[in-house]
Amino acid sequence: MTLVSRSSSPRVVWLAVAMGALFTAMALAQAPSPSPCADAEHRRLDFWAGDWDAYDVGAPGTPDTPAARTRVDVILGGCALREIYEGTNGTVGESYTSYDATRKLWHQTWVTNRGMLLTVEGKFQGPSLTLEGPYRFPDGHEERLRGVWTPETGAVREIAHTSADGGRTWKPLFDVRFRSHKKGAVPMASSATHSADEETVAALDAQYQAAVAKNDAATMDRILADGFVLVTGKGKVYTKADLLAEARGGKTVYERQDDSQQKVRVFGDTAVITALLHAKGTEDGKPFEYQVWFSDTYVRMAGGWRYVFGQSAARL
């Protein structure tokens, strides 16, 4: 169907073409942006996310020995996992694991408070992820290291071997089982961990606000807990399904949706964010602009931090 008759003037034709291009650009800008890390391959290691007590696996018939307290969070919009490890022997380390879609390889970088640096790469073989790379011992000699992560019922198993002959033969290095943390089992109380949790939750909340601004229902769905509830200053209650339906409907178009004066407070596996939100845009074609104080509550779950409850004050 054409909107311009053959008798229209060149100026009218130019204006119609320009307006059509503008509307097309606006529609594309408002379309939800799919998460670059939402595909199945990026999600394959999510079984490792959680709050864990790590144990050295003993010989058959002997009990496992507490080795560390470990927390693994899904970060950067689902594009990486961050591990925070605090060993009972004083070793503190962090690892970042991600899937490189350009090379179709998983990559992990591990660093510790004892100067150790390790980078390993590999692929999934069935349900297990196998990563391998050069491992330099404290005395300076180098060997190959191979680590394998495997999901178990209610746990995750990580087994590592080293090879001094280029991978022809292997010897055990460690065998660790991660079990869901039980209060008091293996304490983790370092200020570094607390700070890392604050950074993780702050970044996740920023991702959520950005997703709302873009009507990105996929990212919102990943961050919101299934039982999520939002209560407004007027007492209106919204569920996760309500917010996702609103985003998919696209009736609200945001010019801005951001916050300031953000403060994150972490209490164990619960984090509370307070901030001042500034929103501007149109809803059903009608303009709006407001500021409102709000609080968001996040809880650490098996798959990482999730947004479980939101409450906003009356609009300023």
C-alpha atoms as a PDB file:
ATOM      1  CA  MET A   1       0.000   0.000   0.000  1.00  0.00           C
ATOM      2  CA  THR A   2       1.326   3.438  -0.928  1.00  0.00           C
ATOM      3  CA  LEU A   3       0.760   6.568   1.129  1.00  0.00           C
ATOM      4  CA  VAL A   4       1.784   9.020  -1.646  1.00  0.00           C
ATOM      5  CA  SER A   5      -0.050   9.514  -4.927  1.00  0.00           C
ATOM      6  CA  ARG A   6       1.806   9.826  -8.200  1.00  0.00           C
ATOM      7  CA  SER A   7       0.687  13.449  -8.406  1.00  0.00           C
ATOM      8  CA  SER A   8       2.286  14.406  -5.080  1.00  0.00           C
ATOM      9  CA  SER A   9       4.971  17.067  -5.130  1.00  0.00           C
ATOM     10  CA  PRO A  10       8.654  16.057  -4.662  1.00  0.00           C
ATOM     11  CA  ARG A  11       8.686  17.822  -1.295  1.00  0.00           C
ATOM     12  CA  VAL A  12       5.676  15.808  -0.082  1.00  0.00           C
ATOM     13  CA  VAL A  13       7.269  12.598  -1.308  1.00  0.00           C
ATOM     14  CA  TRP A  14      10.547  13.450   0.468  1.00  0.00           C
ATOM     15  CA  LEU A  15       8.674  14.244   3.694  1.00  0.00           C
ATOM     16  CA  ALA A  16       6.743  10.963   3.560  1.00  0.00           C
ATOM     17  CA  VAL A  17       9.915   8.948   3.021  1.00  0.00           C
ATOM     18  CA  ALA A  18      11.708  10.762   5.846  1.00  0.00           C
ATOM     19  CA  MET A  19       8.825  10.260   8.257  1.00  0.00           C
ATOM     20  CA  GLY A  20       8.636   6.578   7.336  1.00  0.00           C
ATOM     21  CA  ALA A  21      12.346   6.145   8.053  1.00  0.00           C
ATOM     22  CA  LEU A  22      11.940   7.974  11.367  1.00  0.00           C
ATOM     23  CA  PHE A  23       9.047   5.755  12.483  1.00  0.00           C
ATOM     24  CA  THR A  24      10.990   2.652  11.476  1.00  0.00           C
ATOM     25  CA  ALA A  25      14.025   3.778  13.498  1.00  0.00           C
ATOM     26  CA  MET A  26      11.817   4.538  16.509  1.00  0.00           C
ATOM     27  CA  ALA A  27      10.207   1.108  16.318  1.00  0.00           C
ATOM     28  CA  LEU A  28      13.584  -0.599  16.160  1.00  0.00           C
ATOM     29  CA  ALA A  29      14.859   1.442  19.097  1.00  0.00           C
ATOM     30  CA  GLN A  30      11.843   0.455  21.179  1.00  0.00           C
ATOM     31  CA  ALA A  31      12.054  -3.243  20.338  1.00  0.00           C
ATOM     32  CA  PRO A  32      13.297  -5.404  23.219  1.00  0.00           C
ATOM     33  CA  SER A  33      17.012  -6.152  22.942  1.00  0.00           C
ATOM     34  CA  PRO A  34      17.692  -9.861  23.378  1.00  0.00           C
ATOM     35  CA  SER A  35      20.305 -10.719  25.973  1.00  0.00           C
ATOM     36  CA  PRO A  36      23.567 -11.688  24.219  1.00  0.00           C
ATOM     37  CA  CYS A  37      24.124 -14.456  26.790  1.00  0.00           C
ATOM     38  CA  ALA A  38      20.632 -15.952  27.123  1.00  0.00           C
ATOM     39  CA  ASP A  39      21.219 -18.965  24.846  1.00  0.00           C
ATOM     40  CA  ALA A  40      21.497 -22.521  26.158  1.00  0.00           C
ATOM     41  CA  GLU A  41      25.305 -22.764  25.864  1.00  0.00           C
ATOM     42  CA  HIS A  42      25.879 -19.696  28.052  1.00  0.00           C
ATOM     43  CA  ARG A  43      23.577 -21.217  30.676  1.00  0.00           C
ATOM     44  CA  ARG A  44      25.203 -24.671  30.864  1.00  0.00           C
ATOM     45  CA  LEU A  45      27.410 -23.880  33.865  1.00  0.00           C
ATOM     46  CA  ASP A  46      24.634 -22.239  35.904  1.00  0.00           C
ATOM     47  CA  PHE A  47      24.462 -25.426  38.006  1.00  0.00           C
ATOM     48  CA  TRP A  48      27.620 -24.151  39.742  1.00  0.00           C
ATOM     49  CA  ALA A  49      25.988 -20.891  40.868  1.00  0.00           C
ATOM     50  CA  GLY A  50      25.139 -20.849  44.571  1.00  0.00           C
ATOM     51  CA  ASP A  51      26.372 -20.507  48.140  1.00  0.00           C
ATOM     52  CA  TRP A  52      28.527 -23.540  48.909  1.00  0.00           C
ATOM     53  CA  ASP A  53      30.491 -25.332  51.580  1.00  0.00           C
ATOM     54  CA  ALA A  54      33.420 -26.991  49.801  1.00  0.00           C
ATOM     55  CA  TYR A  55      34.842 -30.293  51.078  1.00  0.00           C
ATOM     56  CA  ASP A  56      37.906 -32.315  50.174  1.00  0.00           C
ATOM     57  CA  VAL A  57      36.527 -35.701  49.160  1.00  0.00           C
ATOM     58  CA  GLY A  58      37.917 -38.443  51.372  1.00  0.00           C
ATOM     59  CA  ALA A  59      38.769 -42.025  50.549  1.00  0.00           C
ATOM     60  CA  PRO A  60      35.839 -44.496  50.421  1.00  0.00           C
ATOM     61  CA  GLY A  61      34.463 -44.974  53.908  1.00  0.00           C
ATOM     62  CA  THR A  62      36.018 -41.761  55.296  1.00  0.00           C
ATOM     63  CA  PRO A  63      34.202 -38.438  55.807  1.00  0.00           C
ATOM     64  CA  ASP A  64      34.807 -35.422  53.576  1.00  0.00           C
ATOM     65  CA  THR A  65      36.923 -32.662  55.135  1.00  0.00           C
ATOM     66  CA  PRO A  66      35.822 -28.979  55.174  1.00  0.00           C
ATOM     67  CA  ALA A  67      38.036 -27.100  52.736  1.00  0.00           C
ATOM     68  CA  ALA A  68      36.453 -23.735  51.961  1.00  0.00           C
ATOM     69  CA  ARG A  69      33.412 -21.531  51.796  1.00  0.00           C
ATOM     70  CA  THR A  70      32.587 -20.640  48.203  1.00  0.00           C
ATOM     71  CA  ARG A  71      30.052 -18.402  46.530  1.00  0.00           C
ATOM     72  CA  VAL A  72      29.424 -18.433  42.795  1.00  0.00           C
ATOM     73  CA  ASP A  73      27.254 -15.705  41.253  1.00  0.00           C
ATOM     74  CA  VAL A  74      25.988 -15.202  37.715  1.00  0.00           C
ATOM     75  CA  ILE A  75      27.109 -11.667  36.764  1.00  0.00           C
ATOM     76  CA  LEU A  76      27.298  -9.251  33.807  1.00  0.00           C
ATOM     77  CA  GLY A  77      23.823  -9.972  32.544  1.00  0.00           C
ATOM     78  CA  GLY A  78      24.391 -13.715  32.579  1.00  0.00           C
ATOM     79  CA  CYS A  79      27.623 -13.522  30.573  1.00  0.00           C
ATOM     80  CA  ALA A  80      29.961 -14.749  33.329  1.00  0.00           C
ATOM     81  CA  LEU A  81      30.177 -16.517  36.687  1.00  0.00           C
ATOM     82  CA  ARG A  82      32.270 -15.127  39.532  1.00  0.00           C
ATOM     83  CA  GLU A  83      33.574 -17.479  42.218  1.00  0.00           C
ATOM     84  CA  ILE A  84      34.736 -16.203  45.610  1.00  0.00           C
ATOM     85  CA  TYR A  85      36.716 -18.858  47.479  1.00  0.00           C
ATOM     86  CA  GLU A  86      37.882 -18.657  51.100  1.00  0.00           C
ATOM     87  CA  GLY A  87      39.877 -21.727  52.119  1.00  0.00           C
ATOM     88  CA  THR A  88      40.207 -23.015  55.657  1.00  0.00           C
ATOM     89  CA  ASN A  89      43.997 -22.841  55.103  1.00  0.00           C
ATOM     90  CA  GLY A  90      43.933 -19.060  54.532  1.00  0.00           C
ATOM     91  CA  THR A  91      43.837 -19.146  50.723  1.00  0.00           C
ATOM     92  CA  VAL A  92      41.472 -16.559  49.240  1.00  0.00           C
ATOM     93  CA  GLY A  93      40.804 -16.633  45.521  1.00  0.00           C
ATOM     94  CA  GLU A  94      38.426 -15.480  42.813  1.00  0.00           C
ATOM     95  CA  SER A  95      37.678 -16.922  39.419  1.00  0.00           C
ATOM     96  CA  TYR A  96      35.761 -15.597  36.419  1.00  0.00           C
ATOM     97  CA  THR A  97      34.309 -18.126  34.020  1.00  0.00           C
ATOM     98  CA  SER A  98      32.598 -17.302  30.721  1.00  0.00           C
ATOM     99  CA  TYR A  99      31.702 -18.778  27.351  1.00  0.00           C
ATOM    100  CA  ASP A 100      33.494 -17.303  24.333  1.00  0.00           C
ATOM    101  CA  ALA A 101      30.915 -17.718  21.578  1.00  0.00           C
ATOM    102  CA  THR A 102      33.376 -16.555  18.890  1.00  0.00           C
ATOM    103  CA  ARG A 103      35.670 -19.530  19.578  1.00  0.00           C
ATOM    104  CA  LYS A 104      33.023 -21.842  21.067  1.00  0.00           C
ATOM    105  CA  LEU A 105      35.183 -22.322  24.167  1.00  0.00           C
ATOM    106  CA  TRP A 106      34.702 -21.866  27.906  1.00  0.00           C
ATOM    107  CA  HIS A 107      37.390 -19.805  29.650  1.00  0.00           C
ATOM    108  CA  GLN A 108      38.321 -19.356  33.316  1.00  0.00           C
ATOM    109  CA  THR A 109      40.824 -17.040  34.984  1.00  0.00           C
ATOM    110  CA  TRP A 110      41.719 -17.770  38.635  1.00  0.00           C
ATOM    111  CA  VAL A 111      43.774 -15.565  40.987  1.00  0.00           C
ATOM    112  CA  THR A 112      44.607 -15.887  44.701  1.00  0.00           C
ATOM    113  CA  ASN A 113      46.007 -13.908  47.629  1.00  0.00           C
ATOM    114  CA  ARG A 114      49.159 -16.032  47.303  1.00  0.00           C
ATOM    115  CA  GLY A 115      50.104 -14.723  43.886  1.00  0.00           C
ATOM    116  CA  MET A 116      48.730 -17.612  41.838  1.00  0.00           C
ATOM    117  CA  LEU A 117      47.388 -16.971  38.330  1.00  0.00           C
ATOM    118  CA  LEU A 118      45.753 -19.697  36.270  1.00  0.00           C
ATOM    119  CA  THR A 119      43.944 -19.576  32.921  1.00  0.00           C
ATOM    120  CA  VAL A 120      42.223 -22.673  31.561  1.00  0.00           C
ATOM    121  CA  GLU A 121      39.906 -23.319  28.624  1.00  0.00           C
ATOM    122  CA  GLY A 122      37.795 -26.134  27.254  1.00  0.00           C
ATOM    123  CA  LYS A 123      34.374 -27.533  26.431  1.00  0.00           C
ATOM    124  CA  PHE A 124      31.516 -29.518  27.860  1.00  0.00           C
ATOM    125  CA  GLN A 125      31.668 -33.276  27.456  1.00  0.00           C
ATOM    126  CA  GLY A 126      28.202 -34.490  28.297  1.00  0.00           C
ATOM    127  CA  PRO A 127      27.116 -32.851  31.574  1.00  0.00           C
ATOM    128  CA  SER A 128      30.704 -32.082  32.645  1.00  0.00           C
ATOM    129  CA  LEU A 129      32.827 -29.039  31.831  1.00  0.00           C
ATOM    130  CA  THR A 130      36.524 -29.800  31.260  1.00  0.00           C
ATOM    131  CA  LEU A 131      39.031 -26.934  31.306  1.00  0.00           C
ATOM    132  CA  GLU A 132      42.768 -27.292  30.773  1.00  0.00           C
ATOM    133  CA  GLY A 133      45.833 -25.056  30.725  1.00  0.00           C
ATOM    134  CA  PRO A 134      49.401 -24.480  31.959  1.00  0.00           C
ATOM    135  CA  TYR A 135      49.873 -24.528  35.754  1.00  0.00           C
ATOM    136  CA  ARG A 136      52.986 -23.008  37.311  1.00  0.00           C
ATOM    137  CA  PHE A 137      53.868 -24.342  40.765  1.00  0.00           C
ATOM    138  CA  PRO A 138      55.351 -22.103  43.510  1.00  0.00           C
ATOM    139  CA  ASP A 139      58.836 -23.522  42.840  1.00  0.00           C
ATOM    140  CA  GLY A 140      58.609 -22.313  39.230  1.00  0.00           C
ATOM    141  CA  HIS A 141      58.173 -25.570  37.310  1.00  0.00           C
ATOM    142  CA  GLU A 142      55.231 -25.853  34.943  1.00  0.00           C
ATOM    143  CA  GLU A 143      52.769 -28.662  34.284  1.00  0.00           C
ATOM    144  CA  ARG A 144      49.408 -29.037  32.594  1.00  0.00           C
ATOM    145  CA  LEU A 145      46.297 -28.790  34.767  1.00  0.00           C
ATOM    146  CA  ARG A 146      42.904 -30.253  33.911  1.00  0.00           C
ATOM    147  CA  GLY A 147      39.786 -29.472  35.945  1.00  0.00           C
ATOM    148  CA  VAL A 148      36.378 -31.099  35.540  1.00  0.00           C
ATOM    149  CA  TRP A 149      33.100 -29.699  36.960  1.00  0.00           C
ATOM    150  CA  THR A 150      30.185 -32.143  37.177  1.00  0.00           C
ATOM    151  CA  PRO A 151      26.697 -31.601  38.646  1.00  0.00           C
ATOM    152  CA  GLU A 152      25.605 -34.096  41.300  1.00  0.00           C
ATOM    153  CA  THR A 153      22.357 -34.423  43.196  1.00  0.00           C
ATOM    154  CA  GLY A 154      22.369 -31.407  45.517  1.00  0.00           C
ATOM    155  CA  ALA A 155      26.074 -30.790  44.880  1.00  0.00           C
ATOM    156  CA  VAL A 156      28.824 -30.043  42.349  1.00  0.00           C
ATOM    157  CA  ARG A 157      32.050 -32.038  42.024  1.00  0.00           C
ATOM    158  CA  GLU A 158      35.344 -30.492  40.874  1.00  0.00           C
ATOM    159  CA  ILE A 159      38.248 -32.841  40.201  1.00  0.00           C
ATOM    160  CA  ALA A 160      41.698 -31.659  39.079  1.00  0.00           C
ATOM    161  CA  HIS A 161      44.706 -33.537  37.723  1.00  0.00           C
ATOM    162  CA  THR A 162      48.161 -32.408  36.600  1.00  0.00           C
ATOM    163  CA  SER A 163      50.470 -33.742  33.915  1.00  0.00           C
ATOM    164  CA  ALA A 164      54.236 -33.312  33.733  1.00  0.00           C
ATOM    165  CA  ASP A 165      54.563 -34.937  30.301  1.00  0.00           C
ATOM    166  CA  GLY A 166      52.278 -32.845  28.125  1.00  0.00           C
ATOM    167  CA  GLY A 167      49.103 -34.758  28.892  1.00  0.00           C
ATOM    168  CA  ARG A 168      50.285 -38.328  28.290  1.00  0.00           C
ATOM    169  CA  THR A 169      49.861 -39.267  31.962  1.00  0.00           C
ATOM    170  CA  TRP A 170      47.968 -37.555  34.781  1.00  0.00           C
ATOM    171  CA  LYS A 171      48.141 -37.531  38.591  1.00  0.00           C
ATOM    172  CA  PRO A 172      45.469 -36.297  41.048  1.00  0.00           C
ATOM    173  CA  LEU A 173      45.759 -32.724  42.369  1.00  0.00           C
ATOM    174  CA  PHE A 174      42.502 -32.308  44.303  1.00  0.00           C
ATOM    175  CA  ASP A 175      38.942 -33.596  44.522  1.00  0.00           C
ATOM    176  CA  VAL A 176      36.362 -31.155  45.915  1.00  0.00           C
ATOM    177  CA  ARG A 177      32.627 -31.444  46.405  1.00  0.00           C
ATOM    178  CA  PHE A 178      30.470 -28.300  46.743  1.00  0.00           C
ATOM    179  CA  ARG A 179      27.393 -28.728  48.929  1.00  0.00           C
ATOM    180  CA  SER A 180      24.740 -26.082  49.654  1.00  0.00           C
ATOM    181  CA  HIS A 181      25.915 -23.957  52.578  1.00  0.00           C
ATOM    182  CA  LYS A 182      24.625 -24.840  56.025  1.00  0.00           C
ATOM    183  CA  LYS A 183      24.731 -22.142  58.679  1.00  0.00           C
ATOM    184  CA  GLY A 184      27.899 -22.420  60.723  1.00  0.00           C
ATOM    185  CA  ALA A 185      29.406 -25.216  58.614  1.00  0.00           C
ATOM    186  CA  VAL A 186      32.180 -23.204  56.944  1.00  0.00           C
ATOM    187  CA  PRO A 187      32.101 -19.487  57.816  1.00  0.00           C
ATOM    188  CA  MET A 188      32.775 -16.775  55.263  1.00  0.00           C
ATOM    189  CA  ALA A 189      33.111 -13.399  56.915  1.00  0.00           C
ATOM    190  CA  SER A 190      35.726 -11.447  55.008  1.00  0.00           C
ATOM    191  CA  SER A 191      35.042  -7.819  54.158  1.00  0.00           C
ATOM    192  CA  ALA A 192      36.197  -8.555  50.607  1.00  0.00           C
ATOM    193  CA  THR A 193      33.322 -11.003  50.151  1.00  0.00           C
ATOM    194  CA  HIS A 194      30.827  -8.524  51.560  1.00  0.00           C
ATOM    195  CA  SER A 195      32.061  -5.839  49.175  1.00  0.00           C
ATOM    196  CA  ALA A 196      31.861  -8.244  46.221  1.00  0.00           C
ATOM    197  CA  ASP A 197      28.239  -9.047  47.084  1.00  0.00           C
ATOM    198  CA  GLU A 198      27.401  -5.341  47.172  1.00  0.00           C
ATOM    199  CA  GLU A 199      28.991  -4.823  43.755  1.00  0.00           C
ATOM    200  CA  THR A 200      27.194  -7.847  42.300  1.00  0.00           C
ATOM    201  CA  VAL A 201      23.757  -6.771  43.531  1.00  0.00           C
ATOM    202  CA  ALA A 202      24.284  -3.127  42.524  1.00  0.00           C
ATOM    203  CA  ALA A 203      25.265  -4.192  38.990  1.00  0.00           C
ATOM    204  CA  LEU A 204      22.318  -6.594  38.774  1.00  0.00           C
ATOM    205  CA  ASP A 205      19.873  -3.885  39.813  1.00  0.00           C
ATOM    206  CA  ALA A 206      21.362  -1.526  37.227  1.00  0.00           C
ATOM    207  CA  GLN A 207      20.843  -4.234  34.593  1.00  0.00           C
ATOM    208  CA  TYR A 208      17.234  -4.572  35.681  1.00  0.00           C
ATOM    209  CA  GLN A 209      16.564  -0.831  35.429  1.00  0.00           C
ATOM    210  CA  ALA A 210      18.146  -0.793  31.958  1.00  0.00           C
ATOM    211  CA  ALA A 211      15.990  -3.752  30.921  1.00  0.00           C
ATOM    212  CA  VAL A 212      12.843  -1.940  32.068  1.00  0.00           C
ATOM    213  CA  ALA A 213      13.855   1.109  30.031  1.00  0.00           C
ATOM    214  CA  LYS A 214      14.194  -1.074  26.900  1.00  0.00           C
ATOM    215  CA  ASN A 215      11.132  -3.245  27.612  1.00  0.00           C
ATOM    216  CA  ASP A 216      13.574  -6.165  27.603  1.00  0.00           C
ATOM    217  CA  ALA A 217      11.285  -8.861  29.025  1.00  0.00           C
ATOM    218  CA  ALA A 218      13.905 -11.629  28.635  1.00  0.00           C
ATOM    219  CA  THR A 219      16.400  -9.932  30.967  1.00  0.00           C
ATOM    220  CA  MET A 220      13.649  -8.957  33.407  1.00  0.00           C
ATOM    221  CA  ASP A 221      12.457 -12.569  33.478  1.00  0.00           C
ATOM    222  CA  ARG A 222      15.962 -13.792  34.339  1.00  0.00           C
ATOM    223  CA  ILE A 223      16.451 -11.321  37.212  1.00  0.00           C
ATOM    224  CA  LEU A 224      12.967 -11.441  38.777  1.00  0.00           C
ATOM    225  CA  ALA A 225      12.178 -14.288  41.171  1.00  0.00           C
ATOM    226  CA  ASP A 226       9.066 -16.294  40.323  1.00  0.00           C
ATOM    227  CA  GLY A 227       7.306 -15.071  43.466  1.00  0.00           C
ATOM    228  CA  PHE A 228       8.262 -11.423  42.920  1.00  0.00           C
ATOM    229  CA  VAL A 229       5.918  -8.698  44.197  1.00  0.00           C
ATOM    230  CA  LEU A 230       6.041  -4.916  43.691  1.00  0.00           C
ATOM    231  CA  VAL A 231       3.987  -2.597  45.915  1.00  0.00           C
ATOM    232  CA  THR A 232       3.597   1.046  44.850  1.00  0.00           C
ATOM    233  CA  GLY A 233       3.078   4.128  46.991  1.00  0.00           C
ATOM    234  CA  LYS A 234      -0.641   3.926  46.202  1.00  0.00           C
ATOM    235  CA  GLY A 235      -0.865   0.368  47.460  1.00  0.00           C
ATOM    236  CA  LYS A 236      -1.157  -1.248  44.017  1.00  0.00           C
ATOM    237  CA  VAL A 237       0.449  -4.694  43.740  1.00  0.00           C
ATOM    238  CA  TYR A 238       2.205  -6.050  40.652  1.00  0.00           C
ATOM    239  CA  THR A 239       3.504  -9.592  40.142  1.00  0.00           C
ATOM    240  CA  LYS A 240       6.309 -10.806  37.897  1.00  0.00           C
ATOM    241  CA  ALA A 241       3.741 -11.809  35.277  1.00  0.00           C
ATOM    242  CA  ASP A 242       2.262  -8.290  35.349  1.00  0.00           C
ATOM    243  CA  LEU A 243       5.621  -6.611  34.734  1.00  0.00           C
ATOM    244  CA  LEU A 244       6.609  -8.996  31.944  1.00  0.00           C
ATOM    245  CA  ALA A 245       3.249  -8.534  30.216  1.00  0.00           C
ATOM    246  CA  GLU A 246       3.648  -4.757  30.446  1.00  0.00           C
ATOM    247  CA  ALA A 247       7.151  -4.914  28.936  1.00  0.00           C
ATOM    248  CA  ARG A 248       6.034  -7.183  26.098  1.00  0.00           C
ATOM    249  CA  GLY A 249       3.065  -4.925  25.374  1.00  0.00           C
ATOM    250  CA  GLY A 250       5.354  -1.963  24.762  1.00  0.00           C
ATOM    251  CA  LYS A 251       2.752   0.607  25.806  1.00  0.00           C
ATOM    252  CA  THR A 252       5.312   2.441  27.937  1.00  0.00           C
ATOM    253  CA  VAL A 253       8.187   4.077  26.076  1.00  0.00           C
ATOM    254  CA  TYR A 254      10.985   5.395  28.288  1.00  0.00           C
ATOM    255  CA  GLU A 255      13.124   8.376  27.475  1.00  0.00           C
ATOM    256  CA  ARG A 256      14.990   7.741  30.718  1.00  0.00           C
ATOM    257  CA  GLN A 257      14.755   5.204  33.568  1.00  0.00           C
ATOM    258  CA  ASP A 258      17.680   5.511  35.925  1.00  0.00           C
ATOM    259  CA  ASP A 259      18.418   6.019  39.587  1.00  0.00           C
ATOM    260  CA  SER A 260      20.797   7.956  41.813  1.00  0.00           C
ATOM    261  CA  GLN A 261      21.895   7.941  45.458  1.00  0.00           C
ATOM    262  CA  GLN A 262      21.982   4.136  45.326  1.00  0.00           C
ATOM    263  CA  LYS A 263      22.871   2.353  48.553  1.00  0.00           C
ATOM    264  CA  VAL A 264      23.302  -1.424  48.874  1.00  0.00           C
ATOM    265  CA  ARG A 265      23.123  -3.163  52.253  1.00  0.00           C
ATOM    266  CA  VAL A 266      23.913  -6.892  52.444  1.00  0.00           C
ATOM    267  CA  PHE A 267      22.683  -9.097  55.281  1.00  0.00           C
ATOM    268  CA  GLY A 268      23.956 -12.606  54.621  1.00  0.00           C
ATOM    269  CA  ASP A 269      21.961 -13.926  51.669  1.00  0.00           C
ATOM    270  CA  THR A 270      19.653 -10.881  51.533  1.00  0.00           C
ATOM    271  CA  ALA A 271      20.464  -7.489  50.019  1.00  0.00           C
ATOM    272  CA  VAL A 272      18.391  -4.308  50.166  1.00  0.00           C
ATOM    273  CA  ILE A 273      18.873  -1.435  47.719  1.00  0.00           C
ATOM    274  CA  THR A 274      17.526   2.082  48.258  1.00  0.00           C
ATOM    275  CA  ALA A 275      17.713   4.722  45.534  1.00  0.00           C
ATOM    276  CA  LEU A 276      15.957   7.669  43.919  1.00  0.00           C
ATOM    277  CA  LEU A 277      14.459   6.725  40.547  1.00  0.00           C
ATOM    278  CA  HIS A 278      13.942   9.273  37.745  1.00  0.00           C
ATOM    279  CA  ALA A 279      11.596   8.123  34.988  1.00  0.00           C
ATOM    280  CA  LYS A 280      10.444   9.990  31.888  1.00  0.00           C
ATOM    281  CA  GLY A 281       8.572   8.836  28.793  1.00  0.00           C
ATOM    282  CA  THR A 282       5.097   8.149  27.450  1.00  0.00           C
ATOM    283  CA  GLU A 283       2.422   5.635  28.430  1.00  0.00           C
ATOM    284  CA  ASP A 284      -0.294   4.972  25.851  1.00  0.00           C
ATOM    285  CA  GLY A 285       0.959   8.102  24.108  1.00  0.00           C
ATOM    286  CA  LYS A 286       0.617  10.312  27.194  1.00  0.00           C
ATOM    287  CA  PRO A 287       3.817  11.898  28.559  1.00  0.00           C
ATOM    288  CA  PHE A 288       4.982  11.354  32.137  1.00  0.00           C
ATOM    289  CA  GLU A 289       7.940  12.330  34.262  1.00  0.00           C
ATOM    290  CA  TYR A 290       8.475  11.669  37.948  1.00  0.00           C
ATOM    291  CA  GLN A 291      10.955  10.877  40.701  1.00  0.00           C
ATOM    292  CA  VAL A 292      10.327   8.307  43.398  1.00  0.00           C
ATOM    293  CA  TRP A 293      12.240   6.711  46.259  1.00  0.00           C
ATOM    294  CA  PHE A 294      12.194   2.937  46.227  1.00  0.00           C
ATOM    295  CA  SER A 295      13.685  -0.099  47.930  1.00  0.00           C
ATOM    296  CA  ASP A 296      14.500  -3.375  46.187  1.00  0.00           C
ATOM    297  CA  THR A 297      15.158  -6.647  47.988  1.00  0.00           C
ATOM    298  CA  TYR A 298      17.387  -9.325  46.451  1.00  0.00           C
ATOM    299  CA  VAL A 299      17.933 -12.842  47.802  1.00  0.00           C
ATOM    300  CA  ARG A 300      20.786 -15.209  46.952  1.00  0.00           C
ATOM    301  CA  MET A 301      19.307 -18.403  45.498  1.00  0.00           C
ATOM    302  CA  ALA A 302      20.690 -21.545  43.882  1.00  0.00           C
ATOM    303  CA  GLY A 303      21.093 -19.751  40.542  1.00  0.00           C
ATOM    304  CA  GLY A 304      22.489 -16.520  42.009  1.00  0.00           C
ATOM    305  CA  TRP A 305      20.888 -13.296  43.235  1.00  0.00           C
ATOM    306  CA  ARG A 306      17.206 -12.719  42.369  1.00  0.00           C
ATOM    307  CA  TYR A 307      14.968  -9.673  42.741  1.00  0.00           C
ATOM    308  CA  VAL A 308      12.166 -10.790  45.094  1.00  0.00           C
ATOM    309  CA  PHE A 309      10.405  -7.657  46.384  1.00  0.00           C
ATOM    310  CA  GLY A 310      10.105  -4.011  45.428  1.00  0.00           C
ATOM    311  CA  GLN A 311       8.423  -1.111  47.165  1.00  0.00           C
ATOM    312  CA  SER A 312       8.118   2.476  45.990  1.00  0.00           C
ATOM    313  CA  ALA A 313       7.089   5.576  47.916  1.00  0.00           C
ATOM    314  CA  ALA A 314       4.669   8.230  46.673  1.00  0.00           C
ATOM    315  CA  ARG A 315       5.935  10.058  43.609  1.00  0.00           C
ATOM    316  CA  LEU A 316       7.736  13.319  44.360  1.00  0.00           C
END
